[in-house]
N, C-alpha and C. Protein backbone atom coordinates (compact mmCIF):
# COMPACT_ATOMS: atom_id res chain seq x y z
N MET A 1 0.86 -1.10 -0.13
CA MET A 1 -0.05 -0.05 0.10
C MET A 1 0.91 1.30 0.02
N THR A 2 0.66 2.15 -0.91
CA THR A 2 1.55 3.29 -1.00
C THR A 2 1.15 4.38 0.14
N ARG A 3 2.25 4.82 0.65
CA ARG A 3 2.09 5.78 2.00
C ARG A 3 1.41 7.11 1.28
N ALA A 4 0.80 7.72 2.24
CA ALA A 4 0.16 9.20 1.97
C ALA A 4 1.48 10.20 1.93
N THR A 5 1.45 10.98 0.99
CA THR A 5 2.61 11.99 0.90
C THR A 5 2.23 13.19 2.03
N ARG A 6 0.83 13.35 2.15
CA ARG A 6 0.54 14.41 3.19
C ARG A 6 -1.00 14.11 3.54
N GLY A 7 -1.37 14.63 4.62
CA GLY A 7 -2.69 14.45 5.12
C GLY A 7 -2.68 13.11 5.85
N LYS A 8 -3.90 12.79 6.12
CA LYS A 8 -4.31 11.73 6.76
C LYS A 8 -5.27 10.58 5.91
N VAL A 9 -5.16 9.51 6.26
CA VAL A 9 -6.17 8.50 5.51
C VAL A 9 -6.73 7.68 6.71
N PHE A 10 -7.93 7.60 6.74
CA PHE A 10 -8.69 6.81 7.79
C PHE A 10 -9.35 5.59 7.18
N VAL A 11 -9.31 4.40 7.62
CA VAL A 11 -10.05 3.16 7.06
C VAL A 11 -10.67 2.74 8.50
N ASP A 12 -11.98 2.87 8.68
CA ASP A 12 -12.71 2.29 9.77
C ASP A 12 -12.02 2.67 11.15
N GLY A 13 -11.76 3.97 11.18
CA GLY A 13 -11.22 4.67 12.38
C GLY A 13 -9.70 4.50 12.59
N ASN A 14 -9.01 3.83 11.76
CA ASN A 14 -7.58 3.73 11.74
C ASN A 14 -6.98 4.58 11.01
N ASP A 15 -6.03 5.46 11.46
CA ASP A 15 -5.05 6.27 10.56
C ASP A 15 -4.00 5.44 10.08
N LEU A 16 -4.04 5.40 8.69
CA LEU A 16 -3.06 4.67 7.85
C LEU A 16 -1.66 5.28 7.99
N THR A 17 -1.67 6.51 8.10
CA THR A 17 -0.35 7.33 8.19
C THR A 17 0.30 7.12 9.35
N ALA A 18 -0.50 6.51 10.42
CA ALA A 18 0.24 6.41 11.86
C ALA A 18 0.49 4.97 12.36
N ILE A 19 0.19 3.94 11.30
CA ILE A 19 0.55 2.51 11.79
C ILE A 19 1.58 1.97 10.99
N SER A 20 2.23 0.91 11.55
CA SER A 20 3.42 0.08 10.97
C SER A 20 2.86 -0.63 9.69
N ASP A 21 3.86 -0.97 8.90
CA ASP A 21 3.58 -1.86 7.61
C ASP A 21 2.84 -3.02 7.99
N ALA A 22 3.25 -3.53 9.02
CA ALA A 22 2.65 -4.99 9.47
C ALA A 22 1.11 -4.61 9.80
N GLU A 23 0.80 -3.38 10.59
CA GLU A 23 -0.53 -3.17 10.91
C GLU A 23 -1.37 -2.91 9.56
N ARG A 24 -0.71 -2.13 8.73
CA ARG A 24 -1.29 -1.86 7.41
C ARG A 24 -1.70 -3.23 6.69
N THR A 25 -0.82 -4.04 6.62
CA THR A 25 -1.05 -5.43 6.02
C THR A 25 -2.27 -5.98 6.58
N LYS A 26 -2.34 -6.11 7.98
CA LYS A 26 -3.44 -6.70 8.75
C LYS A 26 -4.73 -5.85 8.35
N LEU A 27 -4.74 -4.63 8.26
CA LEU A 27 -5.87 -3.85 8.02
C LEU A 27 -6.29 -4.13 6.79
N ARG A 28 -5.37 -4.23 5.75
CA ARG A 28 -5.86 -4.51 4.39
C ARG A 28 -6.41 -5.83 4.18
N ARG A 29 -5.76 -6.81 4.91
CA ARG A 29 -6.35 -8.11 4.78
C ARG A 29 -7.90 -8.26 5.30
N HIS A 30 -8.15 -7.52 6.35
CA HIS A 30 -9.31 -7.70 7.10
C HIS A 30 -10.43 -6.51 6.72
N LYS A 31 -9.99 -5.24 6.26
CA LYS A 31 -10.88 -4.12 6.11
C LYS A 31 -11.18 -3.75 4.73
N ILE A 32 -10.28 -4.30 3.58
CA ILE A 32 -10.32 -3.84 2.30
C ILE A 32 -10.63 -5.20 1.36
N GLY A 33 -11.41 -4.92 0.49
CA GLY A 33 -11.39 -5.98 -0.69
C GLY A 33 -11.07 -5.39 -1.97
N PHE A 34 -10.37 -6.16 -2.81
CA PHE A 34 -10.00 -5.65 -4.11
C PHE A 34 -10.56 -6.36 -5.17
N VAL A 35 -11.02 -5.58 -6.20
CA VAL A 35 -11.47 -6.05 -7.49
C VAL A 35 -10.42 -5.59 -8.65
N PHE A 36 -10.02 -6.43 -9.31
CA PHE A 36 -8.97 -6.01 -10.31
C PHE A 36 -9.73 -6.12 -11.91
N GLN A 37 -8.96 -5.20 -12.50
CA GLN A 37 -9.53 -5.14 -13.92
C GLN A 37 -9.06 -6.48 -14.83
N ARG A 38 -7.95 -7.12 -14.38
CA ARG A 38 -7.62 -8.42 -15.03
C ARG A 38 -8.09 -9.63 -14.13
N PHE A 39 -9.01 -9.53 -13.15
CA PHE A 39 -9.64 -10.50 -12.45
C PHE A 39 -8.65 -11.32 -11.38
N ASN A 40 -7.28 -11.46 -11.86
CA ASN A 40 -6.44 -12.14 -10.83
C ASN A 40 -6.90 -13.50 -10.19
N LEU A 41 -7.62 -14.30 -10.81
CA LEU A 41 -8.12 -15.59 -10.30
C LEU A 41 -6.97 -16.43 -10.55
N LEU A 42 -6.97 -17.51 -9.63
CA LEU A 42 -5.95 -18.63 -9.67
C LEU A 42 -6.34 -19.79 -10.65
N PRO A 43 -5.67 -19.86 -11.84
CA PRO A 43 -6.19 -20.71 -12.66
C PRO A 43 -6.46 -22.23 -12.41
N THR A 44 -5.74 -22.57 -11.38
CA THR A 44 -5.63 -24.09 -10.92
C THR A 44 -6.96 -24.36 -10.00
N LEU A 45 -7.68 -23.29 -9.44
CA LEU A 45 -8.72 -23.27 -8.72
C LEU A 45 -9.96 -23.26 -9.34
N ASP A 46 -10.96 -23.85 -9.01
CA ASP A 46 -12.34 -23.50 -9.66
C ASP A 46 -12.94 -22.21 -8.91
N ALA A 47 -14.06 -21.85 -9.30
CA ALA A 47 -14.69 -20.56 -8.88
C ALA A 47 -14.73 -20.59 -7.37
N SER A 48 -15.34 -21.91 -6.89
CA SER A 48 -15.65 -22.02 -5.39
C SER A 48 -14.14 -21.96 -4.71
N GLY A 49 -13.22 -22.38 -5.24
CA GLY A 49 -11.88 -22.29 -4.53
C GLY A 49 -11.22 -20.90 -4.51
N ASN A 50 -11.49 -20.25 -5.79
CA ASN A 50 -11.03 -18.76 -5.62
C ASN A 50 -11.70 -17.89 -4.83
N ILE A 51 -13.01 -18.18 -4.26
CA ILE A 51 -13.71 -17.47 -3.50
C ILE A 51 -13.30 -17.83 -2.01
N ALA A 52 -13.19 -19.06 -1.80
CA ALA A 52 -13.02 -19.71 -0.26
C ALA A 52 -11.72 -19.31 0.00
N ILE A 53 -10.64 -19.32 -0.92
CA ILE A 53 -9.32 -18.91 -0.55
C ILE A 53 -9.03 -17.59 0.27
N ALA A 54 -10.07 -16.65 0.05
CA ALA A 54 -10.20 -15.33 0.54
C ALA A 54 -10.35 -15.61 2.04
N GLN A 55 -11.41 -16.41 2.17
CA GLN A 55 -11.72 -16.63 3.84
C GLN A 55 -10.64 -17.34 4.44
N HIS A 56 -9.87 -18.22 3.86
CA HIS A 56 -8.77 -18.95 4.56
C HIS A 56 -7.90 -17.92 4.88
N ILE A 57 -7.29 -16.96 3.93
CA ILE A 57 -6.30 -16.08 4.21
C ILE A 57 -6.65 -15.01 5.15
N HIS A 58 -8.08 -14.77 5.39
CA HIS A 58 -8.49 -13.78 6.15
C HIS A 58 -8.22 -14.37 7.68
N GLY A 59 -8.15 -15.60 7.79
CA GLY A 59 -7.98 -16.33 9.07
C GLY A 59 -8.92 -16.79 9.71
N ASN A 60 -10.19 -16.47 9.48
CA ASN A 60 -11.47 -17.09 10.21
C ASN A 60 -11.97 -18.36 9.81
N GLY A 61 -11.38 -18.87 8.68
CA GLY A 61 -11.85 -20.22 8.16
C GLY A 61 -13.14 -20.07 7.33
N PHE A 62 -13.57 -21.08 6.83
CA PHE A 62 -14.62 -21.06 5.87
C PHE A 62 -15.93 -20.94 6.43
N ASP A 63 -16.85 -19.93 5.95
CA ASP A 63 -18.07 -19.59 6.57
C ASP A 63 -19.09 -19.99 5.52
N PRO A 64 -19.66 -21.25 5.48
CA PRO A 64 -20.69 -21.61 4.39
C PRO A 64 -21.82 -20.79 4.12
N HIS A 65 -22.32 -20.20 5.34
CA HIS A 65 -23.48 -19.36 5.22
C HIS A 65 -23.13 -18.13 4.28
N ARG A 66 -21.98 -17.40 4.77
CA ARG A 66 -21.69 -16.20 3.98
C ARG A 66 -21.30 -16.72 2.42
N PHE A 67 -20.70 -17.77 2.43
CA PHE A 67 -20.36 -18.16 1.10
C PHE A 67 -21.48 -18.36 0.17
N GLU A 68 -22.62 -19.02 0.75
CA GLU A 68 -23.78 -19.21 -0.03
C GLU A 68 -24.70 -17.86 -0.34
N VAL A 69 -24.61 -16.92 0.55
CA VAL A 69 -25.29 -15.81 0.41
C VAL A 69 -24.56 -14.80 -0.62
N VAL A 70 -23.17 -14.86 -0.59
CA VAL A 70 -22.45 -14.11 -1.81
C VAL A 70 -22.52 -14.69 -3.26
N THR A 71 -22.49 -15.98 -3.37
CA THR A 71 -22.43 -16.73 -4.54
C THR A 71 -23.95 -16.75 -4.97
N THR A 72 -24.99 -16.74 -4.14
CA THR A 72 -26.25 -16.55 -4.74
C THR A 72 -26.48 -15.22 -5.11
N MET A 73 -26.05 -14.28 -4.23
CA MET A 73 -26.37 -12.82 -4.72
C MET A 73 -25.83 -12.52 -6.15
N LEU A 74 -24.67 -12.99 -6.41
CA LEU A 74 -23.98 -12.71 -7.55
C LEU A 74 -24.13 -13.74 -8.71
N GLY A 75 -25.11 -14.54 -8.54
CA GLY A 75 -25.55 -15.59 -9.64
C GLY A 75 -24.55 -16.52 -10.08
N LEU A 76 -23.73 -16.93 -8.82
CA LEU A 76 -22.69 -18.00 -9.39
C LEU A 76 -23.02 -19.53 -8.97
N THR A 77 -24.04 -19.63 -8.27
CA THR A 77 -24.31 -21.19 -7.89
C THR A 77 -23.96 -22.24 -8.70
N ASP A 78 -24.37 -21.90 -10.02
CA ASP A 78 -24.23 -23.16 -10.85
C ASP A 78 -22.96 -23.15 -11.80
N ARG A 79 -21.89 -22.13 -11.35
CA ARG A 79 -20.62 -22.03 -11.94
C ARG A 79 -19.45 -22.26 -10.97
N LEU A 80 -19.76 -22.67 -9.86
CA LEU A 80 -18.86 -22.79 -8.75
C LEU A 80 -17.71 -24.08 -9.11
N ARG A 81 -18.02 -24.96 -9.79
CA ARG A 81 -17.12 -26.04 -10.00
C ARG A 81 -16.39 -25.78 -11.51
N HIS A 82 -16.48 -24.69 -11.93
CA HIS A 82 -15.75 -24.26 -13.30
C HIS A 82 -14.56 -23.49 -13.05
N ARG A 83 -13.33 -23.90 -13.50
CA ARG A 83 -12.06 -23.05 -13.45
C ARG A 83 -12.16 -21.81 -14.25
N PRO A 84 -11.54 -20.82 -14.09
CA PRO A 84 -11.62 -19.52 -14.64
C PRO A 84 -11.52 -19.63 -16.30
N ALA A 85 -10.82 -20.48 -16.66
CA ALA A 85 -10.73 -20.62 -18.28
C ALA A 85 -12.03 -21.13 -18.78
N GLU A 86 -12.96 -21.62 -17.99
CA GLU A 86 -14.14 -22.28 -18.59
C GLU A 86 -15.35 -21.20 -18.22
N LEU A 87 -15.13 -20.05 -17.61
CA LEU A 87 -16.00 -19.08 -17.50
C LEU A 87 -15.84 -17.88 -18.33
N SER A 88 -17.01 -17.15 -18.65
CA SER A 88 -17.03 -15.88 -19.43
C SER A 88 -16.25 -14.98 -18.72
N GLY A 89 -15.94 -13.71 -19.30
CA GLY A 89 -15.21 -12.54 -18.53
C GLY A 89 -16.21 -12.04 -17.42
N GLY A 90 -17.64 -11.87 -17.66
CA GLY A 90 -18.47 -11.38 -16.79
C GLY A 90 -18.49 -12.46 -15.47
N GLU A 91 -18.48 -13.71 -15.61
CA GLU A 91 -18.51 -14.73 -14.63
C GLU A 91 -17.26 -14.60 -14.08
N GLN A 92 -16.16 -14.36 -14.54
CA GLN A 92 -14.84 -14.37 -13.92
C GLN A 92 -14.70 -13.08 -13.07
N GLN A 93 -15.32 -11.91 -13.59
CA GLN A 93 -15.50 -10.64 -12.70
C GLN A 93 -16.29 -10.85 -11.53
N ARG A 94 -17.49 -11.61 -11.65
CA ARG A 94 -18.34 -11.96 -10.62
C ARG A 94 -17.50 -12.85 -9.54
N VAL A 95 -16.76 -13.68 -9.92
CA VAL A 95 -15.90 -14.48 -8.90
C VAL A 95 -14.94 -13.64 -8.15
N ALA A 96 -14.48 -12.76 -8.99
CA ALA A 96 -13.39 -11.72 -8.28
C ALA A 96 -14.16 -10.88 -7.39
N ILE A 97 -15.41 -10.31 -7.70
CA ILE A 97 -16.26 -9.43 -6.62
C ILE A 97 -16.49 -10.34 -5.47
N ALA A 98 -17.03 -11.43 -5.66
CA ALA A 98 -17.27 -12.58 -4.53
C ALA A 98 -16.06 -12.68 -3.73
N ARG A 99 -15.00 -12.96 -4.39
CA ARG A 99 -13.65 -13.14 -3.42
C ARG A 99 -13.32 -11.73 -2.77
N ALA A 100 -13.71 -10.63 -3.20
CA ALA A 100 -13.42 -9.31 -2.53
C ALA A 100 -14.28 -9.08 -1.48
N ILE A 101 -15.73 -9.51 -1.48
CA ILE A 101 -16.68 -9.16 -0.43
C ILE A 101 -16.77 -10.38 0.43
N ILE A 102 -16.27 -11.63 0.39
CA ILE A 102 -16.71 -12.59 1.07
C ILE A 102 -16.52 -12.40 2.45
N ASN A 103 -15.44 -11.64 2.97
CA ASN A 103 -15.07 -11.34 4.40
C ASN A 103 -15.67 -10.06 4.87
N GLU A 104 -16.53 -9.60 4.10
CA GLU A 104 -17.54 -8.37 4.58
C GLU A 104 -16.30 -7.28 4.84
N PRO A 105 -15.66 -6.87 3.93
CA PRO A 105 -14.63 -5.66 4.25
C PRO A 105 -15.46 -4.31 4.28
N LYS A 106 -14.89 -3.42 4.91
CA LYS A 106 -15.42 -2.17 5.01
C LYS A 106 -15.40 -1.24 3.63
N ILE A 107 -14.37 -1.56 2.89
CA ILE A 107 -14.47 -1.03 1.62
C ILE A 107 -13.99 -1.93 0.57
N VAL A 108 -14.50 -1.81 -0.66
CA VAL A 108 -14.15 -2.39 -1.83
C VAL A 108 -13.51 -1.66 -2.81
N LEU A 109 -12.41 -1.74 -3.12
CA LEU A 109 -11.59 -0.94 -4.12
C LEU A 109 -11.72 -1.67 -5.41
N ALA A 110 -12.31 -1.03 -6.40
CA ALA A 110 -12.48 -1.68 -7.74
C ALA A 110 -11.90 -0.93 -8.74
N ASP A 111 -10.65 -1.51 -9.22
CA ASP A 111 -9.88 -0.93 -10.34
C ASP A 111 -10.45 -1.28 -11.74
N GLU A 112 -11.18 -0.23 -12.37
CA GLU A 112 -11.46 -0.46 -13.78
C GLU A 112 -12.22 -2.05 -13.84
N PRO A 113 -13.22 -2.15 -12.91
CA PRO A 113 -13.97 -3.54 -12.92
C PRO A 113 -14.71 -3.96 -14.15
N THR A 114 -15.02 -2.97 -15.00
CA THR A 114 -15.53 -3.28 -16.25
C THR A 114 -14.58 -3.21 -17.51
N GLY A 115 -13.36 -2.93 -17.29
CA GLY A 115 -12.48 -2.55 -18.42
C GLY A 115 -12.22 -3.76 -19.36
N ASN A 116 -12.44 -5.08 -18.81
CA ASN A 116 -12.13 -6.01 -19.83
C ASN A 116 -13.49 -6.85 -20.17
N LEU A 117 -14.64 -6.34 -19.99
CA LEU A 117 -16.05 -6.70 -20.16
C LEU A 117 -16.60 -6.01 -21.47
N ASP A 118 -17.60 -6.77 -22.09
CA ASP A 118 -18.44 -6.23 -23.12
C ASP A 118 -19.59 -5.46 -22.33
N THR A 119 -20.21 -4.84 -23.13
CA THR A 119 -21.35 -3.73 -22.64
C THR A 119 -22.37 -4.56 -21.67
N GLU A 120 -22.85 -5.68 -22.08
CA GLU A 120 -23.75 -6.43 -21.28
C GLU A 120 -23.17 -6.81 -20.01
N ASN A 121 -22.01 -7.48 -19.88
CA ASN A 121 -21.35 -7.87 -18.75
C ASN A 121 -21.03 -6.55 -17.89
N SER A 122 -20.66 -5.59 -18.43
CA SER A 122 -20.40 -4.30 -17.54
C SER A 122 -21.49 -3.84 -17.02
N GLU A 123 -22.77 -3.65 -17.73
CA GLU A 123 -23.80 -3.36 -16.98
C GLU A 123 -24.15 -4.40 -15.70
N THR A 124 -24.11 -5.53 -16.02
CA THR A 124 -24.25 -6.65 -14.79
C THR A 124 -23.57 -6.40 -13.70
N VAL A 125 -22.12 -6.19 -14.00
CA VAL A 125 -21.13 -5.89 -12.87
C VAL A 125 -21.54 -4.64 -12.21
N LEU A 126 -21.84 -3.54 -12.93
CA LEU A 126 -22.04 -2.19 -12.41
C LEU A 126 -23.33 -2.35 -11.45
N ARG A 127 -24.36 -3.00 -12.02
CA ARG A 127 -25.57 -3.39 -11.23
C ARG A 127 -25.38 -4.02 -9.93
N MET A 128 -24.42 -5.04 -10.02
CA MET A 128 -24.11 -5.87 -8.61
C MET A 128 -23.27 -4.96 -7.72
N LEU A 129 -22.38 -4.11 -8.31
CA LEU A 129 -21.83 -3.24 -7.23
C LEU A 129 -22.73 -2.35 -6.70
N SER A 130 -23.59 -1.71 -7.30
CA SER A 130 -24.64 -0.96 -6.90
C SER A 130 -25.54 -1.68 -5.73
N ARG A 131 -25.82 -2.86 -6.02
CA ARG A 131 -26.63 -3.73 -5.10
C ARG A 131 -25.95 -4.05 -3.86
N LEU A 132 -24.69 -4.32 -3.94
CA LEU A 132 -23.88 -4.57 -2.93
C LEU A 132 -23.64 -3.26 -1.99
N ASN A 133 -23.77 -2.17 -2.48
CA ASN A 133 -23.69 -1.01 -1.79
C ASN A 133 -25.03 -0.78 -1.10
N LYS A 134 -26.29 -0.86 -1.97
CA LYS A 134 -27.58 -0.57 -1.44
C LYS A 134 -28.06 -1.63 -0.37
N GLU A 135 -27.92 -2.89 -0.59
CA GLU A 135 -28.31 -4.07 0.31
C GLU A 135 -27.40 -4.47 1.35
N LEU A 136 -26.09 -4.41 1.17
CA LEU A 136 -25.13 -4.80 2.06
C LEU A 136 -24.52 -3.70 2.91
N GLY A 137 -24.73 -2.42 2.39
CA GLY A 137 -24.16 -1.14 2.85
C GLY A 137 -22.74 -1.38 2.65
N GLN A 138 -22.06 -1.97 1.63
CA GLN A 138 -20.81 -1.94 1.10
C GLN A 138 -20.31 -0.51 0.60
N THR A 139 -19.22 -0.14 1.05
CA THR A 139 -18.61 1.06 0.53
C THR A 139 -17.91 0.59 -0.75
N ILE A 140 -18.10 1.21 -1.91
CA ILE A 140 -17.44 0.71 -3.08
C ILE A 140 -16.54 2.01 -3.58
N VAL A 141 -15.26 1.88 -3.86
CA VAL A 141 -14.67 3.06 -4.35
C VAL A 141 -14.13 2.30 -5.75
N MET A 142 -14.70 2.99 -6.86
CA MET A 142 -14.40 2.41 -8.09
C MET A 142 -13.65 3.45 -8.87
N ILE A 143 -12.35 2.97 -9.54
CA ILE A 143 -11.60 3.84 -10.48
C ILE A 143 -12.14 3.49 -11.66
N THR A 144 -12.49 4.33 -12.62
CA THR A 144 -12.87 4.16 -14.02
C THR A 144 -12.40 5.34 -14.92
N HIS A 145 -12.29 5.11 -16.16
CA HIS A 145 -12.17 6.10 -17.02
C HIS A 145 -13.49 6.10 -17.87
N ASN A 146 -14.41 5.32 -17.64
CA ASN A 146 -15.81 5.09 -18.42
C ASN A 146 -16.90 6.01 -17.77
N PRO A 147 -17.19 7.11 -18.39
CA PRO A 147 -18.25 7.96 -17.97
C PRO A 147 -19.70 7.31 -17.66
N GLU A 148 -19.84 6.25 -18.49
CA GLU A 148 -21.08 5.44 -18.16
C GLU A 148 -21.03 4.67 -17.09
N ALA A 149 -19.85 4.12 -16.76
CA ALA A 149 -19.80 3.40 -15.40
C ALA A 149 -19.88 4.28 -14.08
N ALA A 150 -19.48 5.57 -14.34
CA ALA A 150 -19.38 6.51 -13.23
C ALA A 150 -20.90 6.94 -13.12
N LEU A 151 -21.84 6.83 -13.96
CA LEU A 151 -23.15 7.05 -13.67
C LEU A 151 -23.79 6.27 -12.65
N HIS A 152 -23.27 5.14 -12.36
CA HIS A 152 -23.68 4.09 -11.21
C HIS A 152 -23.33 4.66 -9.91
N ALA A 153 -22.46 5.63 -9.71
CA ALA A 153 -21.90 5.95 -8.51
C ALA A 153 -22.87 6.95 -7.84
N ASN A 154 -22.73 6.82 -6.47
CA ASN A 154 -23.49 7.99 -5.75
C ASN A 154 -22.66 9.16 -5.64
N ARG A 155 -21.40 9.15 -5.81
CA ARG A 155 -20.49 10.46 -5.79
C ARG A 155 -19.43 10.25 -6.69
N VAL A 156 -19.04 11.18 -7.56
CA VAL A 156 -17.84 11.10 -8.59
C VAL A 156 -16.97 12.19 -8.10
N VAL A 157 -15.65 11.83 -8.13
CA VAL A 157 -14.53 12.70 -7.91
C VAL A 157 -13.76 12.58 -9.19
N HIS A 158 -13.43 13.76 -9.73
CA HIS A 158 -12.86 13.59 -10.94
C HIS A 158 -11.20 13.93 -10.71
N MET A 159 -10.36 13.15 -11.20
CA MET A 159 -8.93 13.38 -10.93
C MET A 159 -8.17 13.37 -12.27
N ARG A 160 -6.99 14.09 -12.28
CA ARG A 160 -6.24 14.09 -13.50
C ARG A 160 -4.75 14.09 -13.00
N ASP A 161 -3.99 13.09 -13.37
CA ASP A 161 -2.62 12.89 -12.99
C ASP A 161 -2.48 12.88 -11.49
N GLY A 162 -3.54 12.22 -10.81
CA GLY A 162 -3.26 12.06 -9.26
C GLY A 162 -3.71 13.35 -8.61
N VAL A 163 -4.35 14.18 -9.18
CA VAL A 163 -4.84 15.44 -8.41
C VAL A 163 -6.35 15.62 -8.79
N ILE A 164 -7.03 15.90 -7.78
CA ILE A 164 -8.48 16.03 -7.70
C ILE A 164 -8.80 17.38 -8.42
N VAL A 165 -9.52 17.19 -9.47
CA VAL A 165 -9.78 18.42 -10.29
C VAL A 165 -11.37 18.92 -10.19
N HIS A 166 -12.19 18.10 -9.70
CA HIS A 166 -13.54 18.31 -9.20
C HIS A 166 -13.98 17.47 -8.27
N LEU A 167 -14.36 18.21 -7.17
CA LEU A 167 -15.05 17.39 -5.94
C LEU A 167 -16.43 17.89 -5.85
N PRO A 168 -17.36 17.17 -5.85
CA PRO A 168 -18.87 17.26 -5.77
C PRO A 168 -19.21 17.86 -4.27
N ASN A 169 -19.96 18.76 -4.43
CA ASN A 169 -20.52 19.42 -3.05
C ASN A 169 -21.49 18.34 -2.39
N ASP A 170 -21.02 18.16 -1.02
CA ASP A 170 -22.04 17.40 -0.37
C ASP A 170 -23.03 17.92 0.49
């Protein structure tokens, strides 16, 4: 995690600028979920394994109820035994989202989550992210260059070269 060059950064009441690297690693593992543009699924694991591994890394073991809630919500129950190469791009991204939210992080960071998807799958993923926010209270921070994807957000902050150029009034 990149260190702040100035100011303070708080996640769930923790000041990231005032804690050690080890504490930041623990906070990242327990409080932040990541969705990447390129999915980053493990090719040797099926969808179920790619999701469940996040629970094991988290350290609390496998929670079958949470697993069922997440995979059902994301429409993955009939694709859980398929490896990433056997899934469409949209299905792979839904597996990546499930992996990111399985441990109920405070924040999900989504880096261009629709960048490798066609229009239909992009809409599906964006609707799912909105649903996670509305129904599970999940905070989603999405980075995108796609103005249509940004329309799904509750708040849009425009940046150029790492600098905020437009901050909406709250």
